C-alpha atoms as a PDB file:
ATOM      1  CA  MET A   1     -71.708  -5.034-111.571  1.00  0.00           C
ATOM      2  CA  GLU A   2     -70.758  -6.710-114.793  1.00  0.00           C
ATOM      3  CA  ASN A   3     -69.731  -3.483-116.596  1.00  0.00           C
ATOM      4  CA  LEU A   4     -67.498  -2.193-113.819  1.00  0.00           C
ATOM      5  CA  LEU A   5     -64.397  -0.512-115.266  1.00  0.00           C
ATOM      6  CA  GLY A   6     -62.856   0.192-111.886  1.00  0.00           C
ATOM      7  CA  LEU A   7     -62.976   2.392-108.827  1.00  0.00           C
ATOM      8  CA  LEU A   8     -62.275   6.116-108.697  1.00  0.00           C
ATOM      9  CA  ARG A   9     -61.060   7.653-105.463  1.00  0.00           C
ATOM     10  CA  VAL A  10     -61.854  11.349-105.107  1.00  0.00           C
ATOM     11  CA  ARG A  11     -59.927  13.174-102.376  1.00  0.00           C
ATOM     12  CA  ILE A  12     -61.782  16.170-100.950  1.00  0.00           C
ATOM     13  CA  LYS A  13     -59.101  18.289 -99.322  1.00  0.00           C
ATOM     14  CA  LYS A  14     -60.348  21.696 -98.222  1.00  0.00           C
ATOM     15  CA  GLY A  15     -62.338  24.822 -98.935  1.00  0.00           C
ATOM     16  CA  VAL A  16     -60.838  28.301 -98.901  1.00  0.00           C
ATOM     17  CA  ASN A  17     -62.692  31.532 -98.096  1.00  0.00           C
ATOM     18  CA  LEU A  18     -66.165  30.058 -98.510  1.00  0.00           C
ATOM     19  CA  ALA A  19     -69.151  32.391 -98.302  1.00  0.00           C
ATOM     20  CA  PHE A  20     -70.988  33.028 -95.052  1.00  0.00           C
ATOM     21  CA  ARG A  21     -74.389  31.337 -95.279  1.00  0.00           C
ATOM     22  CA  ASP A  22     -75.213  31.587 -91.576  1.00  0.00           C
ATOM     23  CA  VAL A  23     -74.886  34.617 -89.302  1.00  0.00           C
ATOM     24  CA  ARG A  24     -71.069  34.700 -89.113  1.00  0.00           C
ATOM     25  CA  SER A  25     -69.941  31.480 -90.724  1.00  0.00           C
ATOM     26  CA  SER A  26     -71.053  28.357 -92.590  1.00  0.00           C
ATOM     27  CA  ASP A  27     -71.289  24.635 -91.866  1.00  0.00           C
ATOM     28  CA  PRO A  28     -69.989  23.266 -95.190  1.00  0.00           C
ATOM     29  CA  TYR A  29     -69.931  19.768 -96.634  1.00  0.00           C
ATOM     30  CA  VAL A  30     -69.304  18.376-100.119  1.00  0.00           C
ATOM     31  CA  VAL A  31     -71.542  16.077-102.163  1.00  0.00           C
ATOM     32  CA  VAL A  32     -69.914  13.977-104.918  1.00  0.00           C
ATOM     33  CA  LYS A  33     -72.192  12.477-107.581  1.00  0.00           C
ATOM     34  CA  MET A  34     -71.587  10.230-110.551  1.00  0.00           C
ATOM     35  CA  GLY A  35     -74.656   8.818-112.257  1.00  0.00           C
ATOM     36  CA  LYS A  36     -76.859   7.370-109.516  1.00  0.00           C
ATOM     37  CA  GLN A  37     -74.054   7.325-106.933  1.00  0.00           C
ATOM     38  CA  LYS A  38     -74.006  10.044-104.288  1.00  0.00           C
ATOM     39  CA  LEU A  39     -71.447  10.395-101.496  1.00  0.00           C
ATOM     40  CA  LYS A  40     -70.980  13.111 -98.869  1.00  0.00           C
ATOM     41  CA  THR A  41     -68.210  14.379 -96.636  1.00  0.00           C
ATOM     42  CA  ARG A  42     -68.781  15.182 -93.015  1.00  0.00           C
ATOM     43  CA  VAL A  43     -70.053  18.647 -92.039  1.00  0.00           C
ATOM     44  CA  VAL A  44     -67.382  21.021 -90.729  1.00  0.00           C
ATOM     45  CA  LYS A  45     -69.164  23.307 -88.291  1.00  0.00           C
ATOM     46  CA  LYS A  46     -68.675  27.075 -88.260  1.00  0.00           C
ATOM     47  CA  ASP A  47     -65.759  27.190 -90.690  1.00  0.00           C
ATOM     48  CA  VAL A  48     -65.346  29.031 -94.007  1.00  0.00           C
ATOM     49  CA  ASN A  49     -61.905  27.423 -94.490  1.00  0.00           C
ATOM     50  CA  PRO A  50     -62.816  23.775 -93.819  1.00  0.00           C
ATOM     51  CA  GLU A  51     -60.390  20.877 -94.122  1.00  0.00           C
ATOM     52  CA  TRP A  52     -62.063  17.563 -94.874  1.00  0.00           C
ATOM     53  CA  ASN A  53     -59.124  15.447 -96.105  1.00  0.00           C
ATOM     54  CA  GLU A  54     -61.584  12.682 -96.994  1.00  0.00           C
ATOM     55  CA  ASP A  55     -61.384  10.039 -99.712  1.00  0.00           C
ATOM     56  CA  LEU A  56     -64.657   9.076-101.381  1.00  0.00           C
ATOM     57  CA  THR A  57     -64.722   6.066-103.725  1.00  0.00           C
ATOM     58  CA  LEU A  58     -67.004   5.769-106.753  1.00  0.00           C
ATOM     59  CA  SER A  59     -67.614   2.744-108.964  1.00  0.00           C
ATOM     60  CA  VAL A  60     -66.961   3.548-112.625  1.00  0.00           C
ATOM     61  CA  ALA A  61     -69.241   1.778-115.095  1.00  0.00           C
ATOM     62  CA  ASP A  62     -69.804   4.535-117.677  1.00  0.00           C
ATOM     63  CA  PRO A  63     -66.727   6.655-118.501  1.00  0.00           C
ATOM     64  CA  ASN A  64     -68.952   9.262-120.166  1.00  0.00           C
ATOM     65  CA  LEU A  65     -70.535  10.329-116.876  1.00  0.00           C
ATOM     66  CA  PRO A  66     -68.912  13.375-115.264  1.00  0.00           C
ATOM     67  CA  VAL A  67     -68.088  13.543-111.573  1.00  0.00           C
ATOM     68  CA  GLN A  68     -70.096  16.369-110.022  1.00  0.00           C
ATOM     69  CA  LEU A  69     -69.052  18.158-106.827  1.00  0.00           C
ATOM     70  CA  SER A  70     -71.333  20.496-104.887  1.00  0.00           C
ATOM     71  CA  VAL A  71     -70.684  22.388-101.658  1.00  0.00           C
ATOM     72  CA  TYR A  72     -73.567  22.986 -99.261  1.00  0.00           C
ATOM     73  CA  ASP A  73     -74.073  24.785 -95.985  1.00  0.00           C
ATOM     74  CA  HIS A  74     -75.809  22.491 -93.495  1.00  0.00           C
ATOM     75  CA  ASP A  75     -78.897  23.981 -91.841  1.00  0.00           C
ATOM     76  CA  ILE A  76     -80.937  22.376 -89.075  1.00  0.00           C
ATOM     77  CA  PHE A  77     -84.320  24.084 -89.478  1.00  0.00           C
ATOM     78  CA  SER A  78     -84.372  24.730 -93.248  1.00  0.00           C
ATOM     79  CA  ASN A  79     -83.074  23.276 -96.505  1.00  0.00           C
ATOM     80  CA  ASP A  80     -79.300  23.263 -96.869  1.00  0.00           C
ATOM     81  CA  ASP A  81     -77.924  26.206 -98.899  1.00  0.00           C
ATOM     82  CA  LYS A  82     -76.008  25.405-102.069  1.00  0.00           C
ATOM     83  CA  MET A  83     -72.698  27.280-102.076  1.00  0.00           C
ATOM     84  CA  GLY A  84     -71.241  26.209-105.423  1.00  0.00           C
ATOM     85  CA  ASP A  85     -70.587  23.336-107.782  1.00  0.00           C
ATOM     86  CA  THR A  86     -68.283  22.023-110.480  1.00  0.00           C
ATOM     87  CA  GLU A  87     -67.732  18.837-112.471  1.00  0.00           C
ATOM     88  CA  PHE A  88     -64.912  17.011-114.208  1.00  0.00           C
ATOM     89  CA  ASP A  89     -64.561  14.383-116.909  1.00  0.00           C
ATOM     90  CA  ILE A  90     -62.786  11.113-116.023  1.00  0.00           C
ATOM     91  CA  LYS A  91     -61.776  10.186-119.591  1.00  0.00           C
ATOM     92  CA  PRO A  92     -58.250  11.700-119.236  1.00  0.00           C
ATOM     93  CA  PHE A  93     -57.670   9.466-116.200  1.00  0.00           C
ATOM     94  CA  LEU A  94     -58.782   6.399-118.130  1.00  0.00           C
ATOM     95  CA  GLU A  95     -56.450   7.324-120.993  1.00  0.00           C
ATOM     96  CA  ALA A  96     -53.549   7.568-118.523  1.00  0.00           C
ATOM     97  CA  VAL A  97     -54.385   4.090-117.202  1.00  0.00           C
ATOM     98  CA  LYS A  98     -54.404   2.697-120.758  1.00  0.00           C
ATOM     99  CA  MET A  99     -50.877   4.090-121.316  1.00  0.00           C
ATOM    100  CA  ASN A 100     -49.534   1.350-119.023  1.00  0.00           C
ATOM    101  CA  LEU A 101     -47.120   3.647-117.223  1.00  0.00           C
ATOM    102  CA  SER A 102     -45.463   0.804-115.347  1.00  0.00           C
ATOM    103  CA  GLY A 103     -41.952   2.210-115.866  1.00  0.00           C
ATOM    104  CA  LEU A 104     -42.564   5.184-113.589  1.00  0.00           C
ATOM    105  CA  PRO A 105     -40.848   5.331-110.193  1.00  0.00           C
ATOM    106  CA  GLY A 106     -42.701   3.600-107.357  1.00  0.00           C
ATOM    107  CA  GLY A 107     -45.327   5.723-105.676  1.00  0.00           C
ATOM    108  CA  THR A 108     -45.941   7.920-108.732  1.00  0.00           C
ATOM    109  CA  ILE A 109     -49.522   9.145-108.748  1.00  0.00           C
ATOM    110  CA  ILE A 110     -51.305  10.766-111.690  1.00  0.00           C
ATOM    111  CA  THR A 111     -53.709  13.423-110.437  1.00  0.00           C
ATOM    112  CA  LYS A 112     -55.897  16.266-111.563  1.00  0.00           C
ATOM    113  CA  SER A 113     -56.838  19.090-109.264  1.00  0.00           C
ATOM    114  CA  ALA A 114     -60.101  20.949-109.589  1.00  0.00           C
ATOM    115  CA  THR A 115     -60.652  24.333-108.074  1.00  0.00           C
ATOM    116  CA  MET A 116     -64.210  25.479-107.507  1.00  0.00           C
ATOM    117  CA  GLN A 117     -64.956  29.184-107.311  1.00  0.00           C
ATOM    118  CA  ILE A 118     -67.866  29.987-105.021  1.00  0.00           C
END
């Protein structure tokens, strides 16, 4: 990729009080999209408070593309049920990188948390 600006690591931590999409629970997973890229977490079976703690890495070529997150309930015999979605802009992260914050203490991480209401 000749226009690659860098890599973006998205950490999918957990879901809290997700809706029941099956009889008494859900089998949730998260899909992360950016442009033509699409990554998924593992399915957490029968849990409306899943903990994924997974890092998904996207290649950033166009900073104008948002990162889209969608939560689905996995179904075996029918289409998966969409439970909710959200998106965020990566431009603030790129601006932070351009600030050359090299004087910060070691291990300092600049983050943004997104909360999705389902």
